[in-house]
Amino acid sequence: MAINVYAALSPIWNENGACGKSKYPDAGDYFLPAPTIVGGIEARPNEFPWQVSVQTKKGTHSCGGSIINSKWIITAAHCLDENNPGYYMVVVGLHKKITGAGDSTVKVHDVERIVVHEMFSPITVANDIALIKVKNDIKLDENVNTVCAPKSNDQYAHYKTVVSGWGNLAPGGSNLNVDSLMYTTLNTTAKDYCLRMYKNIRPITDDMICASDNKGNVVRDSCQMDSGGPLVNKEKDGTFRLVGVVSWGIGCASKYPGVYARVNHFEDWILKNIKL
């Protein structure tokens, strides 16, 4: 009999009984073009309460990530040095990266352990997934919350999704002046479309999922420094599920769709490691 990994994994991601819930019922519903994430809108404070900033101990934003329970963050493998957990910290409840460090919702967590997928390839960027264990439990509330696990067998093709982060304003630009968390809406694509777009460039493997703007003309996208952040799908009841982790692409807001680590591909791996 096949094991329902989603059934096993979901409670671990749902320890507060309210995973994937935003305090804003219309979270992620608005789209007004703005010059960041590329072509996104500023989120409201703690609109996406699972979003974290993975920073160096000097306070420099490095990558995004998502809270999956009170001890664990999921992010991209290419963001981290597995052998140097003391180099990083995880900031939760953050909205304004530069000016909001003193906000009451903001908490800083030291890193106890980093687990990078053992099959991660920096050349093909396959298996671009990693877990961060924080030393002290993350207090979960309406401002800091977990994201829900994806559905096990869903290919998530042609789904409306939301991607968020503090990434660059433009391809090759700087994110130093990006203060507020931004988001944009993208549609996931069918695998065959992504394979065609990246033919002769880089393999699109089963652990990847692609997303672009609504018409396939990518004018909205994640960008550098958004890496590791969440690509989520909002269900009819307002619950957000983590579909992808920002991984790689050719430029930002180019003709090529962005590529994300497909989270439900890694369910067994996630379950095994967060139980350790």
C-alpha atoms as a PDB file:
ATOM      1  CA  MET A   1       0.000   0.000   0.000  1.00  0.00           C
ATOM      2  CA  ALA A   2       1.366   3.425  -0.948  1.00  0.00           C
ATOM      3  CA  ILE A   3       2.164   5.814   1.877  1.00  0.00           C
ATOM      4  CA  ASN A   4       0.304   9.110   1.815  1.00  0.00           C
ATOM      5  CA  VAL A   5       3.254  11.377   2.476  1.00  0.00           C
ATOM      6  CA  TYR A   6       1.054  14.478   2.550  1.00  0.00           C
ATOM      7  CA  ALA A   7      -0.968  12.996   5.407  1.00  0.00           C
ATOM      8  CA  ALA A   8       2.248  12.262   7.291  1.00  0.00           C
ATOM      9  CA  LEU A   9       3.901  15.583   6.537  1.00  0.00           C
ATOM     10  CA  SER A  10       0.975  17.943   6.931  1.00  0.00           C
ATOM     11  CA  PRO A  11       0.588  17.736  10.739  1.00  0.00           C
ATOM     12  CA  ILE A  12       4.280  18.552  11.159  1.00  0.00           C
ATOM     13  CA  TRP A  13       3.695  21.712   9.110  1.00  0.00           C
ATOM     14  CA  ASN A  14       0.475  22.473  10.996  1.00  0.00           C
ATOM     15  CA  GLU A  15       1.465  22.334  14.647  1.00  0.00           C
ATOM     16  CA  ASN A  16      -0.369  25.553  15.492  1.00  0.00           C
ATOM     17  CA  GLY A  17      -3.519  24.336  13.757  1.00  0.00           C
ATOM     18  CA  ALA A  18      -3.614  27.282  11.352  1.00  0.00           C
ATOM     19  CA  CYS A  19      -0.920  26.817   8.723  1.00  0.00           C
ATOM     20  CA  GLY A  20      -1.076  28.932   5.599  1.00  0.00           C
ATOM     21  CA  LYS A  21      -3.376  31.555   7.069  1.00  0.00           C
ATOM     22  CA  SER A  22      -2.817  35.295   6.716  1.00  0.00           C
ATOM     23  CA  LYS A  23      -4.473  37.847   8.984  1.00  0.00           C
ATOM     24  CA  TYR A  24      -5.623  39.519   5.756  1.00  0.00           C
ATOM     25  CA  PRO A  25      -8.462  37.549   4.088  1.00  0.00           C
ATOM     26  CA  ASP A  26      -7.531  39.096   0.726  1.00  0.00           C
ATOM     27  CA  ALA A  27      -3.807  38.358   1.068  1.00  0.00           C
ATOM     28  CA  GLY A  28      -2.069  38.101  -2.293  1.00  0.00           C
ATOM     29  CA  ASP A  29      -5.183  39.113  -4.223  1.00  0.00           C
ATOM     30  CA  TYR A  30      -4.094  42.543  -5.385  1.00  0.00           C
ATOM     31  CA  PHE A  31      -1.883  43.294  -8.326  1.00  0.00           C
ATOM     32  CA  LEU A  32      -0.725  46.816  -9.058  1.00  0.00           C
ATOM     33  CA  PRO A  33       2.531  47.103 -11.028  1.00  0.00           C
ATOM     34  CA  ALA A  34       5.426  48.505  -9.046  1.00  0.00           C
ATOM     35  CA  PRO A  35       9.156  48.583  -9.797  1.00  0.00           C
ATOM     36  CA  THR A  36      10.334  45.682  -7.662  1.00  0.00           C
ATOM     37  CA  ILE A  37      10.338  41.922  -7.261  1.00  0.00           C
ATOM     38  CA  VAL A  38      10.186  42.634 -10.654  1.00  0.00           C
ATOM     39  CA  GLY A  39       6.796  44.231 -11.354  1.00  0.00           C
ATOM     40  CA  GLY A  40       5.173  43.659  -7.972  1.00  0.00           C
ATOM     41  CA  ILE A  41       3.360  45.390  -5.164  1.00  0.00           C
ATOM     42  CA  GLU A  42       4.356  46.130  -1.582  1.00  0.00           C
ATOM     43  CA  ALA A  43       2.900  43.597   0.824  1.00  0.00           C
ATOM     44  CA  ARG A  44       1.111  44.760   3.933  1.00  0.00           C
ATOM     45  CA  PRO A  45       2.988  44.147   7.204  1.00  0.00           C
ATOM     46  CA  ASN A  46       3.050  40.392   7.900  1.00  0.00           C
ATOM     47  CA  GLU A  47       0.710  39.649   4.995  1.00  0.00           C
ATOM     48  CA  PHE A  48       2.749  36.503   4.318  1.00  0.00           C
ATOM     49  CA  PRO A  49       3.648  35.499   7.886  1.00  0.00           C
ATOM     50  CA  TRP A  50       5.709  32.447   6.854  1.00  0.00           C
ATOM     51  CA  GLN A  51       8.191  34.640   4.964  1.00  0.00           C
ATOM     52  CA  VAL A  52      11.608  34.957   6.613  1.00  0.00           C
ATOM     53  CA  SER A  53      14.825  36.745   5.789  1.00  0.00           C
ATOM     54  CA  VAL A  54      17.936  34.574   5.949  1.00  0.00           C
ATOM     55  CA  GLN A  55      20.733  36.951   6.875  1.00  0.00           C
ATOM     56  CA  THR A  56      24.407  36.913   7.696  1.00  0.00           C
ATOM     57  CA  LYS A  57      25.343  37.670  11.286  1.00  0.00           C
ATOM     58  CA  LYS A  58      26.257  41.158  10.049  1.00  0.00           C
ATOM     59  CA  GLY A  59      22.586  41.728   9.223  1.00  0.00           C
ATOM     60  CA  THR A  60      22.872  41.476   5.446  1.00  0.00           C
ATOM     61  CA  HIS A  61      19.878  39.895   3.707  1.00  0.00           C
ATOM     62  CA  SER A  62      21.023  36.849   1.772  1.00  0.00           C
ATOM     63  CA  CYS A  63      17.921  34.857   0.811  1.00  0.00           C
ATOM     64  CA  GLY A  64      14.294  34.283   1.634  1.00  0.00           C
ATOM     65  CA  GLY A  65      12.752  31.260   3.291  1.00  0.00           C
ATOM     66  CA  SER A  66       9.494  29.869   4.666  1.00  0.00           C
ATOM     67  CA  ILE A  67       8.526  28.692   8.152  1.00  0.00           C
ATOM     68  CA  ILE A  68       7.292  25.085   8.127  1.00  0.00           C
ATOM     69  CA  ASN A  69       7.127  24.617  11.896  1.00  0.00           C
ATOM     70  CA  SER A  70       8.467  26.255  15.042  1.00  0.00           C
ATOM     71  CA  LYS A  71      11.956  24.817  14.473  1.00  0.00           C
ATOM     72  CA  TRP A  72      12.439  24.570  10.728  1.00  0.00           C
ATOM     73  CA  ILE A  73      12.773  26.876   7.721  1.00  0.00           C
ATOM     74  CA  ILE A  74      12.780  25.732   4.102  1.00  0.00           C
ATOM     75  CA  THR A  75      14.951  27.608   1.599  1.00  0.00           C
ATOM     76  CA  ALA A  76      17.234  27.045  -1.411  1.00  0.00           C
ATOM     77  CA  ALA A  77      20.419  24.995  -1.217  1.00  0.00           C
ATOM     78  CA  HIS A  78      22.400  27.503  -3.273  1.00  0.00           C
ATOM     79  CA  CYS A  79      21.848  30.099  -0.532  1.00  0.00           C
ATOM     80  CA  LEU A  80      23.783  28.325   2.204  1.00  0.00           C
ATOM     81  CA  ASP A  81      27.085  26.916   3.400  1.00  0.00           C
ATOM     82  CA  GLU A  82      26.010  23.750   5.201  1.00  0.00           C
ATOM     83  CA  ASN A  83      29.223  23.625   7.214  1.00  0.00           C
ATOM     84  CA  ASN A  84      28.914  27.125   8.652  1.00  0.00           C
ATOM     85  CA  PRO A  85      25.545  27.502  10.439  1.00  0.00           C
ATOM     86  CA  GLY A  86      26.985  30.121  12.772  1.00  0.00           C
ATOM     87  CA  TYR A  87      27.381  32.492   9.813  1.00  0.00           C
ATOM     88  CA  TYR A  88      23.601  32.898   9.462  1.00  0.00           C
ATOM     89  CA  MET A  89      20.556  34.043  11.364  1.00  0.00           C
ATOM     90  CA  VAL A  90      16.852  33.839  10.549  1.00  0.00           C
ATOM     91  CA  VAL A  91      14.682  36.947  10.941  1.00  0.00           C
ATOM     92  CA  VAL A  92      10.932  36.336  11.314  1.00  0.00           C
ATOM     93  CA  GLY A  93       8.039  38.810  11.423  1.00  0.00           C
ATOM     94  CA  LEU A  94       9.971  41.251   9.241  1.00  0.00           C
ATOM     95  CA  HIS A  95       8.351  43.674   6.810  1.00  0.00           C
ATOM     96  CA  LYS A  96      10.815  46.520   6.317  1.00  0.00           C
ATOM     97  CA  LYS A  97      14.274  45.055   5.907  1.00  0.00           C
ATOM     98  CA  ILE A  98      16.145  48.318   6.466  1.00  0.00           C
ATOM     99  CA  THR A  99      13.972  50.476   8.704  1.00  0.00           C
ATOM    100  CA  GLY A 100      11.839  47.869  10.496  1.00  0.00           C
ATOM    101  CA  ALA A 101      14.410  46.028  12.615  1.00  0.00           C
ATOM    102  CA  GLY A 102      12.899  47.430  15.815  1.00  0.00           C
ATOM    103  CA  ASP A 103       9.307  46.416  15.045  1.00  0.00           C
ATOM    104  CA  SER A 104       7.650  44.410  17.816  1.00  0.00           C
ATOM    105  CA  THR A 105       6.864  41.522  15.453  1.00  0.00           C
ATOM    106  CA  VAL A 106      10.506  41.048  14.460  1.00  0.00           C
ATOM    107  CA  LYS A 107      12.500  38.273  16.119  1.00  0.00           C
ATOM    108  CA  VAL A 108      16.001  37.056  15.316  1.00  0.00           C
ATOM    109  CA  HIS A 109      16.856  33.359  15.603  1.00  0.00           C
ATOM    110  CA  ASP A 110      20.310  31.807  15.647  1.00  0.00           C
ATOM    111  CA  VAL A 111      20.851  28.778  13.442  1.00  0.00           C
ATOM    112  CA  GLU A 112      21.501  25.379  15.001  1.00  0.00           C
ATOM    113  CA  ARG A 113      21.852  23.272  11.882  1.00  0.00           C
ATOM    114  CA  ILE A 114      21.697  23.453   8.091  1.00  0.00           C
ATOM    115  CA  VAL A 115      20.696  20.509   5.907  1.00  0.00           C
ATOM    116  CA  VAL A 116      21.442  20.893   2.191  1.00  0.00           C
ATOM    117  CA  HIS A 117      20.061  18.246  -0.153  1.00  0.00           C
ATOM    118  CA  GLU A 118      22.822  15.715  -0.714  1.00  0.00           C
ATOM    119  CA  MET A 119      22.109  15.629  -4.469  1.00  0.00           C
ATOM    120  CA  PHE A 120      22.163  19.398  -4.967  1.00  0.00           C
ATOM    121  CA  SER A 121      24.148  20.356  -8.061  1.00  0.00           C
ATOM    122  CA  PRO A 122      25.486  23.915  -8.349  1.00  0.00           C
ATOM    123  CA  ILE A 123      25.947  23.266 -12.083  1.00  0.00           C
ATOM    124  CA  THR A 124      22.440  22.127 -13.043  1.00  0.00           C
ATOM    125  CA  VAL A 125      20.812  23.584  -9.888  1.00  0.00           C
ATOM    126  CA  ALA A 126      18.935  20.305  -9.467  1.00  0.00           C
ATOM    127  CA  ASN A 127      17.670  19.508  -5.952  1.00  0.00           C
ATOM    128  CA  ASP A 128      17.990  23.146  -4.908  1.00  0.00           C
ATOM    129  CA  ILE A 129      16.410  22.663  -1.500  1.00  0.00           C
ATOM    130  CA  ALA A 130      17.673  23.102   2.059  1.00  0.00           C
ATOM    131  CA  LEU A 131      16.404  23.182   5.632  1.00  0.00           C
ATOM    132  CA  ILE A 132      17.462  25.450   8.476  1.00  0.00           C
ATOM    133  CA  LYS A 133      16.893  24.458  12.106  1.00  0.00           C
ATOM    134  CA  VAL A 134      16.788  27.385  14.535  1.00  0.00           C
ATOM    135  CA  LYS A 135      18.121  27.092  18.088  1.00  0.00           C
ATOM    136  CA  ASN A 136      15.057  28.475  19.873  1.00  0.00           C
ATOM    137  CA  ASP A 137      11.435  27.807  18.965  1.00  0.00           C
ATOM    138  CA  ILE A 138       9.712  30.352  16.754  1.00  0.00           C
ATOM    139  CA  LYS A 139       6.644  31.762  18.497  1.00  0.00           C
ATOM    140  CA  LEU A 140       3.715  31.365  16.116  1.00  0.00           C
ATOM    141  CA  ASP A 141       0.881  33.889  15.975  1.00  0.00           C
ATOM    142  CA  GLU A 142      -0.994  35.946  13.378  1.00  0.00           C
ATOM    143  CA  ASN A 143       2.189  37.802  12.409  1.00  0.00           C
ATOM    144  CA  VAL A 144       4.516  34.792  12.323  1.00  0.00           C
ATOM    145  CA  ASN A 145       2.979  31.597  10.999  1.00  0.00           C
ATOM    146  CA  THR A 146       3.733  28.405   9.106  1.00  0.00           C
ATOM    147  CA  VAL A 147       2.922  27.794   5.458  1.00  0.00           C
ATOM    148  CA  CYS A 148       0.985  24.632   4.578  1.00  0.00           C
ATOM    149  CA  ALA A 149       2.499  21.646   2.814  1.00  0.00           C
ATOM    150  CA  PRO A 150       1.684  21.167  -0.872  1.00  0.00           C
ATOM    151  CA  LYS A 151      -0.610  18.387  -2.013  1.00  0.00           C
ATOM    152  CA  SER A 152       1.408  15.277  -2.766  1.00  0.00           C
ATOM    153  CA  ASN A 153       0.204  14.292  -6.214  1.00  0.00           C
ATOM    154  CA  ASP A 154      -0.658  17.685  -7.683  1.00  0.00           C
ATOM    155  CA  GLN A 155       1.534  18.781 -10.594  1.00  0.00           C
ATOM    156  CA  TYR A 156       0.467  22.403  -9.957  1.00  0.00           C
ATOM    157  CA  ALA A 157       0.412  23.240 -13.682  1.00  0.00           C
ATOM    158  CA  HIS A 158      -1.482  26.409 -14.668  1.00  0.00           C
ATOM    159  CA  TYR A 159      -2.068  27.498 -11.077  1.00  0.00           C
ATOM    160  CA  LYS A 160      -2.155  31.108  -9.939  1.00  0.00           C
ATOM    161  CA  THR A 161       0.641  31.598  -7.440  1.00  0.00           C
ATOM    162  CA  VAL A 162       2.211  34.345  -5.361  1.00  0.00           C
ATOM    163  CA  VAL A 163       5.949  34.887  -4.938  1.00  0.00           C
ATOM    164  CA  SER A 164       7.353  37.262  -2.319  1.00  0.00           C
ATOM    165  CA  GLY A 165      10.723  38.646  -1.306  1.00  0.00           C
ATOM    166  CA  TRP A 166      13.104  41.546  -0.811  1.00  0.00           C
ATOM    167  CA  GLY A 167      14.877  40.942  -4.136  1.00  0.00           C
ATOM    168  CA  ASN A 168      16.489  43.237  -6.648  1.00  0.00           C
ATOM    169  CA  LEU A 169      14.623  46.050  -8.376  1.00  0.00           C
ATOM    170  CA  ALA A 170      15.852  44.954 -11.796  1.00  0.00           C
ATOM    171  CA  PRO A 171      18.101  42.326 -13.375  1.00  0.00           C
ATOM    172  CA  GLY A 172      21.673  42.897 -12.265  1.00  0.00           C
ATOM    173  CA  GLY A 173      20.583  45.665  -9.922  1.00  0.00           C
ATOM    174  CA  SER A 174      21.052  46.116  -6.203  1.00  0.00           C
ATOM    175  CA  ASN A 175      18.631  45.241  -3.439  1.00  0.00           C
ATOM    176  CA  LEU A 176      20.304  47.538  -0.909  1.00  0.00           C
ATOM    177  CA  ASN A 177      17.492  50.074  -1.160  1.00  0.00           C
ATOM    178  CA  VAL A 178      14.676  47.508  -1.214  1.00  0.00           C
ATOM    179  CA  ASP A 179      13.086  48.018   2.182  1.00  0.00           C
ATOM    180  CA  SER A 180       9.583  46.538   2.159  1.00  0.00           C
ATOM    181  CA  LEU A 181       8.580  42.973   1.375  1.00  0.00           C
ATOM    182  CA  MET A 182       7.171  42.815  -2.147  1.00  0.00           C
ATOM    183  CA  TYR A 183       5.050  40.258  -3.956  1.00  0.00           C
ATOM    184  CA  THR A 184       3.717  39.491  -7.392  1.00  0.00           C
ATOM    185  CA  THR A 185       1.371  36.958  -8.982  1.00  0.00           C
ATOM    186  CA  LEU A 186       2.565  34.361 -11.485  1.00  0.00           C
ATOM    187  CA  ASN A 187       1.075  31.359 -13.237  1.00  0.00           C
ATOM    188  CA  THR A 188       2.808  28.016 -13.042  1.00  0.00           C
ATOM    189  CA  THR A 189       3.470  26.502 -16.454  1.00  0.00           C
ATOM    190  CA  ALA A 190       3.183  23.011 -17.883  1.00  0.00           C
ATOM    191  CA  LYS A 191       6.463  21.102 -17.817  1.00  0.00           C
ATOM    192  CA  ASP A 192       6.608  20.722 -21.616  1.00  0.00           C
ATOM    193  CA  TYR A 193       6.490  24.514 -22.040  1.00  0.00           C
ATOM    194  CA  CYS A 194       9.361  24.958 -19.610  1.00  0.00           C
ATOM    195  CA  LEU A 195      11.344  22.201 -21.321  1.00  0.00           C
ATOM    196  CA  ARG A 196      10.943  23.962 -24.681  1.00  0.00           C
ATOM    197  CA  MET A 197      11.974  27.331 -23.271  1.00  0.00           C
ATOM    198  CA  TYR A 198      15.146  25.962 -21.679  1.00  0.00           C
ATOM    199  CA  LYS A 199      16.066  23.506 -24.435  1.00  0.00           C
ATOM    200  CA  ASN A 200      19.842  23.566 -25.036  1.00  0.00           C
ATOM    201  CA  ILE A 201      20.288  25.871 -22.026  1.00  0.00           C
ATOM    202  CA  ARG A 202      19.836  23.768 -18.891  1.00  0.00           C
ATOM    203  CA  PRO A 203      17.863  20.609 -18.039  1.00  0.00           C
ATOM    204  CA  ILE A 204      14.436  21.011 -16.447  1.00  0.00           C
ATOM    205  CA  THR A 205      14.146  18.015 -14.139  1.00  0.00           C
ATOM    206  CA  ASP A 206      11.254  16.521 -12.178  1.00  0.00           C
ATOM    207  CA  ASP A 207      12.275  18.420  -9.045  1.00  0.00           C
ATOM    208  CA  MET A 208      11.625  21.775 -10.752  1.00  0.00           C
ATOM    209  CA  ILE A 209       8.497  23.803 -11.528  1.00  0.00           C
ATOM    210  CA  CYS A 210       8.318  26.929 -13.683  1.00  0.00           C
ATOM    211  CA  ALA A 211       6.226  30.074 -13.353  1.00  0.00           C
ATOM    212  CA  SER A 212       5.709  33.172 -15.485  1.00  0.00           C
ATOM    213  CA  ASP A 213       3.229  36.006 -15.834  1.00  0.00           C
ATOM    214  CA  ASN A 214      -0.381  35.406 -16.897  1.00  0.00           C
ATOM    215  CA  LYS A 215       0.231  35.488 -20.659  1.00  0.00           C
ATOM    216  CA  GLY A 216       3.643  33.873 -20.761  1.00  0.00           C
ATOM    217  CA  ASN A 217       5.301  37.238 -21.478  1.00  0.00           C
ATOM    218  CA  VAL A 218       7.386  37.539 -18.350  1.00  0.00           C
ATOM    219  CA  VAL A 219       7.093  41.119 -17.146  1.00  0.00           C
ATOM    220  CA  ARG A 220       6.728  40.010 -13.530  1.00  0.00           C
ATOM    221  CA  ASP A 221       9.215  37.700 -11.870  1.00  0.00           C
ATOM    222  CA  SER A 222      11.327  36.908  -8.853  1.00  0.00           C
ATOM    223  CA  CYS A 223      14.904  38.171  -9.018  1.00  0.00           C
ATOM    224  CA  GLN A 224      18.293  38.014  -7.310  1.00  0.00           C
ATOM    225  CA  MET A 225      18.026  38.005  -3.490  1.00  0.00           C
ATOM    226  CA  ASP A 226      14.506  36.526  -3.707  1.00  0.00           C
ATOM    227  CA  SER A 227      16.182  33.097  -3.801  1.00  0.00           C
ATOM    228  CA  GLY A 228      14.913  30.594  -1.259  1.00  0.00           C
ATOM    229  CA  GLY A 229      11.627  32.429  -0.846  1.00  0.00           C
ATOM    230  CA  PRO A 230       8.123  31.015  -1.213  1.00  0.00           C
ATOM    231  CA  LEU A 231       6.029  30.383  -4.303  1.00  0.00           C
ATOM    232  CA  VAL A 232       2.581  29.728  -2.834  1.00  0.00           C
ATOM    233  CA  ASN A 233      -0.855  28.822  -4.134  1.00  0.00           C
ATOM    234  CA  LYS A 234      -3.928  30.235  -2.388  1.00  0.00           C
ATOM    235  CA  GLU A 235      -6.808  27.785  -2.105  1.00  0.00           C
ATOM    236  CA  LYS A 236     -10.480  28.748  -2.111  1.00  0.00           C
ATOM    237  CA  ASP A 237     -10.647  28.756   1.698  1.00  0.00           C
ATOM    238  CA  GLY A 238      -7.743  31.225   1.888  1.00  0.00           C
ATOM    239  CA  THR A 239      -5.103  28.648   2.842  1.00  0.00           C
ATOM    240  CA  PHE A 240      -1.676  29.072   1.248  1.00  0.00           C
ATOM    241  CA  ARG A 241       0.340  26.003   0.241  1.00  0.00           C
ATOM    242  CA  LEU A 242       4.046  26.051  -0.550  1.00  0.00           C
ATOM    243  CA  VAL A 243       4.372  24.977  -4.185  1.00  0.00           C
ATOM    244  CA  GLY A 244       7.935  26.082  -4.899  1.00  0.00           C
ATOM    245  CA  VAL A 245      11.133  27.611  -3.579  1.00  0.00           C
ATOM    246  CA  VAL A 246      12.737  30.398  -5.642  1.00  0.00           C
ATOM    247  CA  SER A 247      15.705  28.796  -7.389  1.00  0.00           C
ATOM    248  CA  TRP A 248      17.021  30.121 -10.733  1.00  0.00           C
ATOM    249  CA  GLY A 249      16.273  31.598 -14.139  1.00  0.00           C
ATOM    250  CA  ILE A 250      17.799  33.400 -17.105  1.00  0.00           C
ATOM    251  CA  GLY A 251      17.806  37.015 -16.012  1.00  0.00           C
ATOM    252  CA  CYS A 252      14.720  38.469 -14.325  1.00  0.00           C
ATOM    253  CA  ALA A 253      11.486  39.367 -16.112  1.00  0.00           C
ATOM    254  CA  SER A 254      12.958  37.992 -19.346  1.00  0.00           C
ATOM    255  CA  LYS A 255      11.195  35.779 -21.887  1.00  0.00           C
ATOM    256  CA  TYR A 256      12.184  32.747 -19.815  1.00  0.00           C
ATOM    257  CA  PRO A 257       9.992  31.557 -16.943  1.00  0.00           C
ATOM    258  CA  GLY A 258      11.457  31.493 -13.457  1.00  0.00           C
ATOM    259  CA  VAL A 259      12.417  28.076 -12.123  1.00  0.00           C
ATOM    260  CA  TYR A 260      11.529  26.905  -8.626  1.00  0.00           C
ATOM    261  CA  ALA A 261      12.310  23.813  -6.566  1.00  0.00           C
ATOM    262  CA  ARG A 262       9.138  21.699  -6.614  1.00  0.00           C
ATOM    263  CA  VAL A 263       8.359  21.181  -2.917  1.00  0.00           C
ATOM    264  CA  ASN A 264       6.127  18.117  -3.191  1.00  0.00           C
ATOM    265  CA  HIS A 265       8.952  16.312  -5.011  1.00  0.00           C
ATOM    266  CA  PHE A 266      10.957  16.510  -1.770  1.00  0.00           C
ATOM    267  CA  GLU A 267       8.301  15.398   0.722  1.00  0.00           C
ATOM    268  CA  ASP A 268      10.118  12.225   1.794  1.00  0.00           C
ATOM    269  CA  TRP A 269      13.384  14.109   2.168  1.00  0.00           C
ATOM    270  CA  ILE A 270      11.792  16.906   4.210  1.00  0.00           C
ATOM    271  CA  LEU A 271       9.964  14.477   6.481  1.00  0.00           C
ATOM    272  CA  LYS A 272      13.092  12.417   7.103  1.00  0.00           C
ATOM    273  CA  ASN A 273      15.236  15.409   8.008  1.00  0.00           C
ATOM    274  CA  ILE A 274      12.850  17.385  10.205  1.00  0.00           C
ATOM    275  CA  LYS A 275      12.271  14.260  12.286  1.00  0.00           C
ATOM    276  CA  LEU A 276      15.977  13.975  13.102  1.00  0.00           C
END
